PDB file of N, CA and C in Angstrom:
ATOM      1  N   MET A   1     -10.327  15.745  -2.937  1.00  0.00           N
ATOM      2  CA  MET A   1      -9.603  14.467  -2.994  1.00  0.00           C
ATOM      3  C   MET A   1      -8.867  14.344  -4.328  1.00  0.00           C
ATOM      4  N   GLY A   2      -7.924  13.441  -4.369  1.00  0.00           N
ATOM      5  CA  GLY A   2      -7.173  13.199  -5.601  1.00  0.00           C
ATOM      6  C   GLY A   2      -8.034  12.450  -6.601  1.00  0.00           C
ATOM      7  N   GLU A   3      -7.512  12.343  -7.795  1.00  0.00           N
ATOM      8  CA  GLU A   3      -8.274  11.634  -8.827  1.00  0.00           C
ATOM      9  C   GLU A   3      -8.281  10.141  -8.520  1.00  0.00           C
ATOM     10  N   GLU A   4      -9.238   9.447  -9.080  1.00  0.00           N
ATOM     11  CA  GLU A   4      -9.334   8.003  -8.857  1.00  0.00           C
ATOM     12  C   GLU A   4      -8.122   7.298  -9.461  1.00  0.00           C
ATOM     13  N   GLY A   5      -7.755   6.203  -8.842  1.00  0.00           N
ATOM     14  CA  GLY A   5      -6.743   5.355  -9.441  1.00  0.00           C
ATOM     15  C   GLY A   5      -5.353   5.935  -9.450  1.00  0.00           C
ATOM     16  N   GLN A   6      -4.931   6.473  -8.322  1.00  0.00           N
ATOM     17  CA  GLN A   6      -3.552   6.904  -8.251  1.00  0.00           C
ATOM     18  C   GLN A   6      -2.960   6.468  -6.930  1.00  0.00           C
ATOM     19  N   VAL A   7      -1.634   6.445  -6.894  1.00  0.00           N
ATOM     20  CA  VAL A   7      -0.938   6.093  -5.669  1.00  0.00           C
ATOM     21  C   VAL A   7      -0.740   7.382  -4.875  1.00  0.00           C
ATOM     22  N   ILE A   8      -1.202   7.389  -3.649  1.00  0.00           N
ATOM     23  CA  ILE A   8      -1.135   8.580  -2.811  1.00  0.00           C
ATOM     24  C   ILE A   8       0.095   8.492  -1.906  1.00  0.00           C
ATOM     25  N   SER A   9       0.986   9.458  -2.039  1.00  0.00           N
ATOM     26  CA  SER A   9       2.171   9.471  -1.183  1.00  0.00           C
ATOM     27  C   SER A   9       1.834  10.136   0.148  1.00  0.00           C
ATOM     28  N   CYS A  10       2.227   9.484   1.228  1.00  0.00           N
ATOM     29  CA  CYS A  10       2.024  10.047   2.560  1.00  0.00           C
ATOM     30  C   CYS A  10       3.363  10.592   3.047  1.00  0.00           C
ATOM     31  N   HIS A  11       3.403  11.894   3.289  1.00  0.00           N
ATOM     32  CA  HIS A  11       4.656  12.515   3.710  1.00  0.00           C
ATOM     33  C   HIS A  11       4.678  12.863   5.185  1.00  0.00           C
ATOM     34  N   THR A  12       3.545  12.762   5.856  1.00  0.00           N
ATOM     35  CA  THR A  12       3.491  13.063   7.289  1.00  0.00           C
ATOM     36  C   THR A  12       2.660  11.990   7.986  1.00  0.00           C
ATOM     37  N   VAL A  13       2.855  11.885   9.285  1.00  0.00           N
ATOM     38  CA  VAL A  13       2.075  10.927  10.070  1.00  0.00           C
ATOM     39  C   VAL A  13       0.589  11.297  10.005  1.00  0.00           C
ATOM     40  N   ASP A  14       0.316  12.604  10.021  1.00  0.00           N
ATOM     41  CA  ASP A  14      -1.081  13.039   9.926  1.00  0.00           C
ATOM     42  C   ASP A  14      -1.720  12.595   8.621  1.00  0.00           C
ATOM     43  N   ALA A  15      -0.987  12.758   7.523  1.00  0.00           N
ATOM     44  CA  ALA A  15      -1.516  12.349   6.216  1.00  0.00           C
ATOM     45  C   ALA A  15      -1.780  10.845   6.215  1.00  0.00           C
ATOM     46  N   TRP A  16      -0.849  10.092   6.787  1.00  0.00           N
ATOM     47  CA  TRP A  16      -1.006   8.639   6.893  1.00  0.00           C
ATOM     48  C   TRP A  16      -2.266   8.296   7.691  1.00  0.00           C
ATOM     49  N   ASN A  17      -2.398   8.889   8.865  1.00  0.00           N
ATOM     50  CA  ASN A  17      -3.555   8.591   9.713  1.00  0.00           C
ATOM     51  C   ASN A  17      -4.861   8.941   9.018  1.00  0.00           C
ATOM     52  N   GLN A  18      -4.856  10.041   8.288  1.00  0.00           N
ATOM     53  CA  GLN A  18      -6.063  10.456   7.586  1.00  0.00           C
ATOM     54  C   GLN A  18      -6.433   9.440   6.497  1.00  0.00           C
ATOM     55  N   GLN A  19      -5.444   8.969   5.761  1.00  0.00           N
ATOM     56  CA  GLN A  19      -5.725   7.990   4.708  1.00  0.00           C
ATOM     57  C   GLN A  19      -6.251   6.680   5.308  1.00  0.00           C
ATOM     58  N   ILE A  20      -5.674   6.275   6.430  1.00  0.00           N
ATOM     59  CA  ILE A  20      -6.126   5.042   7.081  1.00  0.00           C
ATOM     60  C   ILE A  20      -7.578   5.211   7.546  1.00  0.00           C
ATOM     61  N   GLN A  21      -7.899   6.382   8.082  1.00  0.00           N
ATOM     62  CA  GLN A  21      -9.279   6.660   8.478  1.00  0.00           C
ATOM     63  C   GLN A  21     -10.209   6.655   7.270  1.00  0.00           C
ATOM     64  N   ASN A  22      -9.793   7.328   6.207  1.00  0.00           N
ATOM     65  CA  ASN A  22     -10.625   7.420   4.997  1.00  0.00           C
ATOM     66  C   ASN A  22     -10.892   6.047   4.398  1.00  0.00           C
ATOM     67  N   GLY A  23      -9.948   5.141   4.552  1.00  0.00           N
ATOM     68  CA  GLY A  23     -10.062   3.846   3.902  1.00  0.00           C
ATOM     69  C   GLY A  23     -10.639   2.761   4.776  1.00  0.00           C
ATOM     70  N   LYS A  24     -11.353   3.163   5.827  1.00  0.00           N
ATOM     71  CA  LYS A  24     -11.840   2.180   6.803  1.00  0.00           C
ATOM     72  C   LYS A  24     -12.540   0.979   6.175  1.00  0.00           C
ATOM     73  N   ASN A  25     -13.429   1.224   5.204  1.00  0.00           N
ATOM     74  CA  ASN A  25     -14.197   0.107   4.644  1.00  0.00           C
ATOM     75  C   ASN A  25     -13.645  -0.388   3.315  1.00  0.00           C
ATOM     76  N   LYS A  26     -12.430   0.017   3.014  1.00  0.00           N
ATOM     77  CA  LYS A  26     -11.832  -0.384   1.736  1.00  0.00           C
ATOM     78  C   LYS A  26     -10.551  -1.156   1.995  1.00  0.00           C
ATOM     79  N   LEU A  27     -10.077  -1.792   0.938  1.00  0.00           N
ATOM     80  CA  LEU A  27      -8.764  -2.406   1.003  1.00  0.00           C
ATOM     81  C   LEU A  27      -7.734  -1.310   0.744  1.00  0.00           C
ATOM     82  N   ILE A  28      -6.714  -1.250   1.584  1.00  0.00           N
ATOM     83  CA  ILE A  28      -5.622  -0.293   1.404  1.00  0.00           C
ATOM     84  C   ILE A  28      -4.348  -1.085   1.132  1.00  0.00           C
ATOM     85  N   VAL A  29      -3.659  -0.718   0.062  1.00  0.00           N
ATOM     86  CA  VAL A  29      -2.369  -1.331  -0.253  1.00  0.00           C
ATOM     87  C   VAL A  29      -1.305  -0.276  -0.001  1.00  0.00           C
ATOM     88  N   VAL A  30      -0.375  -0.584   0.898  1.00  0.00           N
ATOM     89  CA  VAL A  30       0.671   0.379   1.225  1.00  0.00           C
ATOM     90  C   VAL A  30       2.002  -0.112   0.681  1.00  0.00           C
ATOM     91  N   ASP A  31       2.631   0.736  -0.121  1.00  0.00           N
ATOM     92  CA  ASP A  31       3.948   0.460  -0.674  1.00  0.00           C
ATOM     93  C   ASP A  31       4.973   1.166   0.213  1.00  0.00           C
ATOM     94  N   PHE A  32       5.690   0.381   1.024  1.00  0.00           N
ATOM     95  CA  PHE A  32       6.773   0.951   1.831  1.00  0.00           C
ATOM     96  C   PHE A  32       8.034   0.884   0.988  1.00  0.00           C
ATOM     97  N   ALA A  33       8.549   2.040   0.621  1.00  0.00           N
ATOM     98  CA  ALA A  33       9.659   2.106  -0.311  1.00  0.00           C
ATOM     99  C   ALA A  33      10.704   3.093   0.188  1.00  0.00           C
ATOM    100  N   ALA A  34      11.801   3.185  -0.573  1.00  0.00           N
ATOM    101  CA  ALA A  34      12.838   4.163  -0.266  1.00  0.00           C
ATOM    102  C   ALA A  34      13.398   4.678  -1.575  1.00  0.00           C
ATOM    103  N   SER A  35      13.794   5.942  -1.566  1.00  0.00           N
ATOM    104  CA  SER A  35      14.258   6.563  -2.805  1.00  0.00           C
ATOM    105  C   SER A  35      15.519   5.898  -3.345  1.00  0.00           C
ATOM    106  N   TRP A  36      16.326   5.326  -2.461  1.00  0.00           N
ATOM    107  CA  TRP A  36      17.592   4.707  -2.874  1.00  0.00           C
ATOM    108  C   TRP A  36      17.434   3.242  -3.276  1.00  0.00           C
ATOM    109  N   CYS A  37      16.219   2.726  -3.200  1.00  0.00           N
ATOM    110  CA  CYS A  37      15.981   1.294  -3.419  1.00  0.00           C
ATOM    111  C   CYS A  37      15.621   1.024  -4.880  1.00  0.00           C
ATOM    112  N   GLY A  38      16.502   0.345  -5.595  1.00  0.00           N
ATOM    113  CA  GLY A  38      16.285   0.046  -7.016  1.00  0.00           C
ATOM    114  C   GLY A  38      15.008  -0.728  -7.295  1.00  0.00           C
ATOM    115  N   PRO A  39      14.783  -1.860  -6.598  1.00  0.00           N
ATOM    116  CA  PRO A  39      13.551  -2.626  -6.823  1.00  0.00           C
ATOM    117  C   PRO A  39      12.282  -1.810  -6.571  1.00  0.00           C
ATOM    118  N   CYS A  40      12.346  -0.893  -5.602  1.00  0.00           N
ATOM    119  CA  CYS A  40      11.184  -0.033  -5.320  1.00  0.00           C
ATOM    120  C   CYS A  40      10.859   0.816  -6.544  1.00  0.00           C
ATOM    121  N   ARG A  41      11.896   1.397  -7.125  1.00  0.00           N
ATOM    122  CA  ARG A  41      11.696   2.239  -8.307  1.00  0.00           C
ATOM    123  C   ARG A  41      11.226   1.394  -9.481  1.00  0.00           C
ATOM    124  N   ALA A  42      11.745   0.171  -9.566  1.00  0.00           N
ATOM    125  CA  ALA A  42      11.389  -0.700 -10.687  1.00  0.00           C
ATOM    126  C   ALA A  42       9.920  -1.096 -10.661  1.00  0.00           C
ATOM    127  N   ILE A  43       9.372  -1.325  -9.474  1.00  0.00           N
ATOM    128  CA  ILE A  43       7.988  -1.802  -9.392  1.00  0.00           C
ATOM    129  C   ILE A  43       6.972  -0.656  -9.327  1.00  0.00           C
ATOM    130  N   ALA A  44       7.443   0.566  -9.096  1.00  0.00           N
ATOM    131  CA  ALA A  44       6.524   1.705  -8.943  1.00  0.00           C
ATOM    132  C   ALA A  44       5.553   1.877 -10.121  1.00  0.00           C
ATOM    133  N   PRO A  45       6.016   1.791 -11.383  1.00  0.00           N
ATOM    134  CA  PRO A  45       5.060   1.946 -12.502  1.00  0.00           C
ATOM    135  C   PRO A  45       4.002   0.844 -12.509  1.00  0.00           C
ATOM    136  N   PHE A  46       4.384  -0.362 -12.093  1.00  0.00           N
ATOM    137  CA  PHE A  46       3.434  -1.476 -12.025  1.00  0.00           C
ATOM    138  C   PHE A  46       2.365  -1.192 -10.970  1.00  0.00           C
ATOM    139  N   VAL A  47       2.795  -0.655  -9.829  1.00  0.00           N
ATOM    140  CA  VAL A  47       1.848  -0.315  -8.758  1.00  0.00           C
ATOM    141  C   VAL A  47       0.879   0.763  -9.248  1.00  0.00           C
ATOM    142  N   SER A  48       1.410   1.741  -9.992  1.00  0.00           N
ATOM    143  CA  SER A  48       0.540   2.779 -10.555  1.00  0.00           C
ATOM    144  C   SER A  48      -0.494   2.189 -11.500  1.00  0.00           C
ATOM    145  N   GLU A  49      -0.088   1.216 -12.312  1.00  0.00           N
ATOM    146  CA  GLU A  49      -1.027   0.552 -13.218  1.00  0.00           C
ATOM    147  C   GLU A  49      -2.123  -0.159 -12.427  1.00  0.00           C
ATOM    148  N   LEU A  50      -1.732  -0.864 -11.371  1.00  0.00           N
ATOM    149  CA  LEU A  50      -2.727  -1.544 -10.528  1.00  0.00           C
ATOM    150  C   LEU A  50      -3.709  -0.538  -9.955  1.00  0.00           C
ATOM    151  N   ALA A  51      -3.186   0.606  -9.508  1.00  0.00           N
ATOM    152  CA  ALA A  51      -4.046   1.630  -8.913  1.00  0.00           C
ATOM    153  C   ALA A  51      -5.060   2.124  -9.939  1.00  0.00           C
ATOM    154  N   LYS A  52      -4.640   2.263 -11.194  1.00  0.00           N
ATOM    155  CA  LYS A  52      -5.568   2.710 -12.244  1.00  0.00           C
ATOM    156  C   LYS A  52      -6.644   1.663 -12.505  1.00  0.00           C
ATOM    157  N   LYS A  53      -6.243   0.379 -12.462  1.00  0.00           N
ATOM    158  CA  LYS A  53      -7.190  -0.705 -12.760  1.00  0.00           C
ATOM    159  C   LYS A  53      -8.141  -0.959 -11.600  1.00  0.00           C
ATOM    160  N   MET A  54      -7.775  -0.540 -10.410  1.00  0.00           N
ATOM    161  CA  MET A  54      -8.556  -0.866  -9.207  1.00  0.00           C
ATOM    162  C   MET A  54      -8.901   0.391  -8.427  1.00  0.00           C
ATOM    163  N   PRO A  55      -9.808   1.205  -8.949  1.00  0.00           N
ATOM    164  CA  PRO A  55     -10.157   2.440  -8.257  1.00  0.00           C
ATOM    165  C   PRO A  55     -10.826   2.217  -6.907  1.00  0.00           C
ATOM    166  N   HIS A  56     -11.326   0.999  -6.665  1.00  0.00           N
ATOM    167  CA  HIS A  56     -11.978   0.704  -5.386  1.00  0.00           C
ATOM    168  C   HIS A  56     -10.970   0.354  -4.291  1.00  0.00           C
ATOM    169  N   VAL A  57      -9.698   0.268  -4.665  1.00  0.00           N
ATOM    170  CA  VAL A  57      -8.649  -0.022  -3.691  1.00  0.00           C
ATOM    171  C   VAL A  57      -7.824   1.249  -3.507  1.00  0.00           C
ATOM    172  N   ILE A  58      -7.446   1.547  -2.267  1.00  0.00           N
ATOM    173  CA  ILE A  58      -6.614   2.719  -1.995  1.00  0.00           C
ATOM    174  C   ILE A  58      -5.152   2.290  -2.001  1.00  0.00           C
ATOM    175  N   PHE A  59      -4.356   2.960  -2.811  1.00  0.00           N
ATOM    176  CA  PHE A  59      -2.922   2.678  -2.868  1.00  0.00           C
ATOM    177  C   PHE A  59      -2.167   3.829  -2.219  1.00  0.00           C
ATOM    178  N   LEU A  60      -1.378   3.508  -1.197  1.00  0.00           N
ATOM    179  CA  LEU A  60      -0.576   4.510  -0.504  1.00  0.00           C
ATOM    180  C   LEU A  60       0.895   4.175  -0.669  1.00  0.00           C
ATOM    181  N   LYS A  61       1.710   5.210  -0.645  1.00  0.00           N
ATOM    182  CA  LYS A  61       3.154   5.003  -0.691  1.00  0.00           C
ATOM    183  C   LYS A  61       3.777   5.724   0.487  1.00  0.00           C
ATOM    184  N   VAL A  62       4.674   5.028   1.178  1.00  0.00           N
ATOM    185  CA  VAL A  62       5.367   5.608   2.325  1.00  0.00           C
ATOM    186  C   VAL A  62       6.865   5.457   2.096  1.00  0.00           C
ATOM    187  N   ASP A  63       7.581   6.579   2.180  1.00  0.00           N
ATOM    188  CA  ASP A  63       9.044   6.548   2.121  1.00  0.00           C
ATOM    189  C   ASP A  63       9.528   6.228   3.534  1.00  0.00           C
ATOM    190  N   VAL A  64      10.216   5.095   3.666  1.00  0.00           N
ATOM    191  CA  VAL A  64      10.591   4.629   5.007  1.00  0.00           C
ATOM    192  C   VAL A  64      11.595   5.554   5.686  1.00  0.00           C
ATOM    193  N   ASP A  65      12.349   6.314   4.898  1.00  0.00           N
ATOM    194  CA  ASP A  65      13.290   7.254   5.503  1.00  0.00           C
ATOM    195  C   ASP A  65      12.564   8.491   6.015  1.00  0.00           C
ATOM    196  N   GLU A  66      11.492   8.836   5.321  1.00  0.00           N
ATOM    197  CA  GLU A  66      10.721  10.018   5.690  1.00  0.00           C
ATOM    198  C   GLU A  66       9.825   9.738   6.901  1.00  0.00           C
ATOM    199  N   LEU A  67       9.233   8.551   6.929  1.00  0.00           N
ATOM    200  CA  LEU A  67       8.299   8.185   8.009  1.00  0.00           C
ATOM    201  C   LEU A  67       8.772   6.913   8.701  1.00  0.00           C
ATOM    202  N   LYS A  68       9.934   7.024   9.326  1.00  0.00           N
ATOM    203  CA  LYS A  68      10.545   5.857   9.988  1.00  0.00           C
ATOM    204  C   LYS A  68       9.619   5.238  11.030  1.00  0.00           C
ATOM    205  N   GLU A  69       8.901   6.108  11.765  1.00  0.00           N
ATOM    206  CA  GLU A  69       8.080   5.579  12.867  1.00  0.00           C
ATOM    207  C   GLU A  69       6.932   4.726  12.338  1.00  0.00           C
ATOM    208  N   ILE A  70       6.391   5.094  11.180  1.00  0.00           N
ATOM    209  CA  ILE A  70       5.300   4.292  10.614  1.00  0.00           C
ATOM    210  C   ILE A  70       5.838   2.956  10.125  1.00  0.00           C
ATOM    211  N   ALA A  71       6.984   3.002   9.459  1.00  0.00           N
ATOM    212  CA  ALA A  71       7.596   1.749   8.996  1.00  0.00           C
ATOM    213  C   ALA A  71       7.863   0.818  10.174  1.00  0.00           C
ATOM    214  N   SER A  72       8.393   1.363  11.264  1.00  0.00           N
ATOM    215  CA  SER A  72       8.692   0.485  12.405  1.00  0.00           C
ATOM    216  C   SER A  72       7.421   0.038  13.119  1.00  0.00           C
ATOM    217  N   ASP A  73       6.418   0.910  13.182  1.00  0.00           N
ATOM    218  CA  ASP A  73       5.132   0.521  13.782  1.00  0.00           C
ATOM    219  C   ASP A  73       4.548  -0.698  13.080  1.00  0.00           C
ATOM    220  N   TRP A  74       4.720  -0.764  11.772  1.00  0.00           N
ATOM    221  CA  TRP A  74       4.119  -1.839  10.980  1.00  0.00           C
ATOM    222  C   TRP A  74       5.100  -2.979  10.708  1.00  0.00           C
ATOM    223  N   GLY A  75       6.266  -2.933  11.345  1.00  0.00           N
ATOM    224  CA  GLY A  75       7.213  -4.045  11.239  1.00  0.00           C
ATOM    225  C   GLY A  75       7.847  -4.187   9.871  1.00  0.00           C
ATOM    226  N   VAL A  76       8.036  -3.084   9.180  1.00  0.00           N
ATOM    227  CA  VAL A  76       8.629  -3.137   7.851  1.00  0.00           C
ATOM    228  C   VAL A  76      10.147  -3.141   7.986  1.00  0.00           C
ATOM    229  N   GLU A  77      10.775  -4.172   7.410  1.00  0.00           N
ATOM    230  CA  GLU A  77      12.228  -4.304   7.536  1.00  0.00           C
ATOM    231  C   GLU A  77      12.940  -4.338   6.199  1.00  0.00           C
ATOM    232  N   ALA A  78      12.226  -4.643   5.130  1.00  0.00           N
ATOM    233  CA  ALA A  78      12.858  -4.742   3.814  1.00  0.00           C
ATOM    234  C   ALA A  78      12.076  -3.883   2.830  1.00  0.00           C
ATOM    235  N   MET A  79      12.765  -3.440   1.796  1.00  0.00           N
ATOM    236  CA  MET A  79      12.103  -2.639   0.771  1.00  0.00           C
ATOM    237  C   MET A  79      12.159  -3.365  -0.566  1.00  0.00           C
ATOM    238  N   PRO A  80      11.099  -3.302  -1.369  1.00  0.00           N
ATOM    239  CA  PRO A  80       9.802  -2.775  -0.960  1.00  0.00           C
ATOM    240  C   PRO A  80       9.008  -3.801  -0.158  1.00  0.00           C
ATOM    241  N   THR A  81       8.192  -3.318   0.758  1.00  0.00           N
ATOM    242  CA  THR A  81       7.223  -4.168   1.459  1.00  0.00           C
ATOM    243  C   THR A  81       5.844  -3.604   1.162  1.00  0.00           C
ATOM    244  N   PHE A  82       4.945  -4.485   0.754  1.00  0.00           N
ATOM    245  CA  PHE A  82       3.565  -4.086   0.497  1.00  0.00           C
ATOM    246  C   PHE A  82       2.688  -4.678   1.582  1.00  0.00           C
ATOM    247  N   LEU A  83       1.986  -3.813   2.300  1.00  0.00           N
ATOM    248  CA  LEU A  83       1.034  -4.283   3.305  1.00  0.00           C
ATOM    249  C   LEU A  83      -0.371  -4.053   2.789  1.00  0.00           C
ATOM    250  N   LEU A  84      -1.222  -5.049   2.947  1.00  0.00           N
ATOM    251  CA  LEU A  84      -2.633  -4.909   2.606  1.00  0.00           C
ATOM    252  C   LEU A  84      -3.393  -4.777   3.914  1.00  0.00           C
ATOM    253  N   LEU A  85      -4.104  -3.659   4.054  1.00  0.00           N
ATOM    254  CA  LEU A  85      -4.812  -3.363   5.288  1.00  0.00           C
ATOM    255  C   LEU A  85      -6.312  -3.338   5.064  1.00  0.00           C
ATOM    256  N   LYS A  86      -7.029  -3.876   6.047  1.00  0.00           N
ATOM    257  CA  LYS A  86      -8.486  -3.742   6.086  1.00  0.00           C
ATOM    258  C   LYS A  86      -8.867  -3.388   7.499  1.00  0.00           C
ATOM    259  N   ASP A  87      -9.683  -2.368   7.658  1.00  0.00           N
ATOM    260  CA  ASP A  87     -10.115  -1.923   8.979  1.00  0.00           C
ATOM    261  C   ASP A  87      -8.930  -1.692   9.907  1.00  0.00           C
ATOM    262  N   GLY A  88      -7.840  -1.137   9.349  1.00  0.00           N
ATOM    263  CA  GLY A  88      -6.683  -0.811  10.166  1.00  0.00           C
ATOM    264  C   GLY A  88      -5.825  -1.994  10.568  1.00  0.00           C
ATOM    265  N   LYS A  89      -6.124  -3.175  10.025  1.00  0.00           N
ATOM    266  CA  LYS A  89      -5.331  -4.361  10.356  1.00  0.00           C
ATOM    267  C   LYS A  89      -4.687  -4.926   9.102  1.00  0.00           C
ATOM    268  N   THR A  90      -3.505  -5.521   9.280  1.00  0.00           N
ATOM    269  CA  THR A  90      -2.812  -6.147   8.148  1.00  0.00           C
ATOM    270  C   THR A  90      -3.495  -7.468   7.804  1.00  0.00           C
ATOM    271  N   VAL A  91      -3.911  -7.615   6.544  1.00  0.00           N
ATOM    272  CA  VAL A  91      -4.508  -8.885   6.110  1.00  0.00           C
ATOM    273  C   VAL A  91      -3.547  -9.676   5.233  1.00  0.00           C
ATOM    274  N   ALA A  92      -2.528  -9.006   4.691  1.00  0.00           N
ATOM    275  CA  ALA A  92      -1.538  -9.705   3.877  1.00  0.00           C
ATOM    276  C   ALA A  92      -0.301  -8.838   3.750  1.00  0.00           C
ATOM    277  N   LYS A  93       0.803  -9.497   3.385  1.00  0.00           N
ATOM    278  CA  LYS A  93       2.081  -8.793   3.258  1.00  0.00           C
ATOM    279  C   LYS A  93       2.853  -9.426   2.113  1.00  0.00           C
ATOM    280  N   VAL A  94       3.376  -8.593   1.233  1.00  0.00           N
ATOM    281  CA  VAL A  94       4.242  -9.081   0.153  1.00  0.00           C
ATOM    282  C   VAL A  94       5.560  -8.324   0.276  1.00  0.00           C
ATOM    283  N   VAL A  95       6.643  -9.076   0.470  1.00  0.00           N
ATOM    284  CA  VAL A  95       7.959  -8.452   0.601  1.00  0.00           C
ATOM    285  C   VAL A  95       8.738  -8.681  -0.681  1.00  0.00           C
ATOM    286  N   GLY A  96       9.265  -7.597  -1.236  1.00  0.00           N
ATOM    287  CA  GLY A  96      10.033  -7.685  -2.464  1.00  0.00           C
ATOM    288  C   GLY A  96       9.216  -7.235  -3.661  1.00  0.00           C
ATOM    289  N   ALA A  97       9.922  -6.974  -4.768  1.00  0.00           N
ATOM    290  CA  ALA A  97       9.276  -6.458  -5.976  1.00  0.00           C
ATOM    291  C   ALA A  97       8.744  -7.623  -6.806  1.00  0.00           C
ATOM    292  N   LYS A  98       7.750  -8.319  -6.248  1.00  0.00           N
ATOM    293  CA  LYS A  98       7.192  -9.506  -6.905  1.00  0.00           C
ATOM    294  C   LYS A  98       5.843  -9.150  -7.495  1.00  0.00           C
ATOM    295  N   LYS A  99       5.843  -8.823  -8.782  1.00  0.00           N
ATOM    296  CA  LYS A  99       4.624  -8.331  -9.425  1.00  0.00           C
ATOM    297  C   LYS A  99       3.479  -9.331  -9.338  1.00  0.00           C
ATOM    298  N   GLU A 100       3.771 -10.597  -9.678  1.00  0.00           N
ATOM    299  CA  GLU A 100       2.690 -11.598  -9.713  1.00  0.00           C
ATOM    300  C   GLU A 100       2.115 -11.813  -8.318  1.00  0.00           C
ATOM    301  N   ASP A 101       3.000 -11.975  -7.347  1.00  0.00           N
ATOM    302  CA  ASP A 101       2.538 -12.180  -5.963  1.00  0.00           C
ATOM    303  C   ASP A 101       1.669 -11.016  -5.519  1.00  0.00           C
ATOM    304  N   LEU A 102       2.149  -9.813  -5.814  1.00  0.00           N
ATOM    305  CA  LEU A 102       1.429  -8.624  -5.384  1.00  0.00           C
ATOM    306  C   LEU A 102       0.053  -8.571  -6.018  1.00  0.00           C
ATOM    307  N   GLN A 103       0.017  -8.791  -7.331  1.00  0.00           N
ATOM    308  CA  GLN A 103      -1.269  -8.705  -8.025  1.00  0.00           C
ATOM    309  C   GLN A 103      -2.240  -9.768  -7.525  1.00  0.00           C
ATOM    310  N   GLN A 104      -1.762 -10.984  -7.369  1.00  0.00           N
ATOM    311  CA  GLN A 104      -2.648 -12.070  -6.898  1.00  0.00           C
ATOM    312  C   GLN A 104      -3.149 -11.789  -5.483  1.00  0.00           C
ATOM    313  N   THR A 105      -2.257 -11.293  -4.630  1.00  0.00           N
ATOM    314  CA  THR A 105      -2.643 -11.015  -3.245  1.00  0.00           C
ATOM    315  C   THR A 105      -3.692  -9.910  -3.190  1.00  0.00           C
ATOM    316  N   ILE A 106      -3.481  -8.869  -3.988  1.00  0.00           N
ATOM    317  CA  ILE A 106      -4.460  -7.769  -4.012  1.00  0.00           C
ATOM    318  C   ILE A 106      -5.788  -8.272  -4.556  1.00  0.00           C
ATOM    319  N   ASN A 107      -5.746  -9.028  -5.653  1.00  0.00           N
ATOM    320  CA  ASN A 107      -6.983  -9.559  -6.242  1.00  0.00           C
ATOM    321  C   ASN A 107      -7.757 -10.394  -5.230  1.00  0.00           C
ATOM    322  N   LYS A 108      -7.032 -11.217  -4.489  1.00  0.00           N
ATOM    323  CA  LYS A 108      -7.664 -12.107  -3.513  1.00  0.00           C
ATOM    324  C   LYS A 108      -8.423 -11.294  -2.457  1.00  0.00           C
ATOM    325  N   HIS A 109      -7.809 -10.211  -1.995  1.00  0.00           N
ATOM    326  CA  HIS A 109      -8.427  -9.441  -0.904  1.00  0.00           C
ATOM    327  C   HIS A 109      -9.375  -8.356  -1.397  1.00  0.00           C
ATOM    328  N   ALA A 110      -9.187  -7.907  -2.628  1.00  0.00           N
ATOM    329  CA  ALA A 110     -10.042  -6.837  -3.151  1.00  0.00           C
ATOM    330  C   ALA A 110     -11.392  -7.389  -3.605  1.00  0.00           C
ATOM    331  N   GLY A 111     -11.387  -8.650  -4.022  1.00  0.00           N
ATOM    332  CA  GLY A 111     -12.598  -9.238  -4.578  1.00  0.00           C
ATOM    333  C   GLY A 111     -13.724  -9.366  -3.578  1.00  0.00           C
ATOM    334  N   ASN A 112     -13.382  -9.828  -2.379  1.00  0.00           N
ATOM    335  CA  ASN A 112     -14.438 -10.114  -1.390  1.00  0.00           C
ATOM    336  C   ASN A 112     -14.447  -9.074  -0.295  1.00  0.00           C
ATOM    337  N   SER A 113     -14.638  -7.824  -0.684  1.00  0.00           N
ATOM    338  CA  SER A 113     -14.555  -6.743   0.298  1.00  0.00           C
ATOM    339  C   SER A 113     -15.743  -6.767   1.270  1.00  0.00           C
ATOM    340  N   SER A 114     -16.842  -7.438   0.897  1.00  0.00           N
ATOM    341  CA  SER A 114     -18.019  -7.412   1.774  1.00  0.00           C
ATOM    342  C   SER A 114     -17.895  -8.425   2.912  1.00  0.00           C
ATOM    343  N   SER A 115     -17.149  -9.514   2.694  1.00  0.00           N
ATOM    344  CA  SER A 115     -17.038 -10.525   3.743  1.00  0.00           C
ATOM    345  C   SER A 115     -15.928 -10.144   4.704  1.00  0.00           C
ATOM    346  N   SER A 116     -16.134 -10.419   5.973  1.00  0.00           N
ATOM    347  CA  SER A 116     -15.107 -10.146   6.960  1.00  0.00           C
ATOM    348  C   SER A 116     -14.767 -11.429   7.707  1.00  0.00           C
ATOM    349  N   ALA A 117     -13.495 -11.606   7.986  1.00  0.00           N
ATOM    350  CA  ALA A 117     -13.050 -12.835   8.634  1.00  0.00           C
ATOM    351  C   ALA A 117     -13.373 -12.819  10.120  1.00  0.00           C
TER     352      ALA A 117
END
């Protein structure tokens, strides 16, 4: 496995499915981005910092041009879109490069990982 606290890029559907399986009992934050998207590039270092601070959360990155079917499966229409997943379901969504919103949303869902709705 990769080192703790890093953003894992998924380049294939298989890699994506494997990460979703691996993260069954954890919070997964998925950064849907595109190489041509300025805001995506701008927020990437911030996402990496969050990943370092929160080793108990899995951070994934998906290039929407590379994995179009995954982006459309999850209803991603704008970049960047951050989906927070638990048990394979979306529990929250942050659209746009909004650092504060993203951090607060992750904190809210990462804190109470033992309780289920």
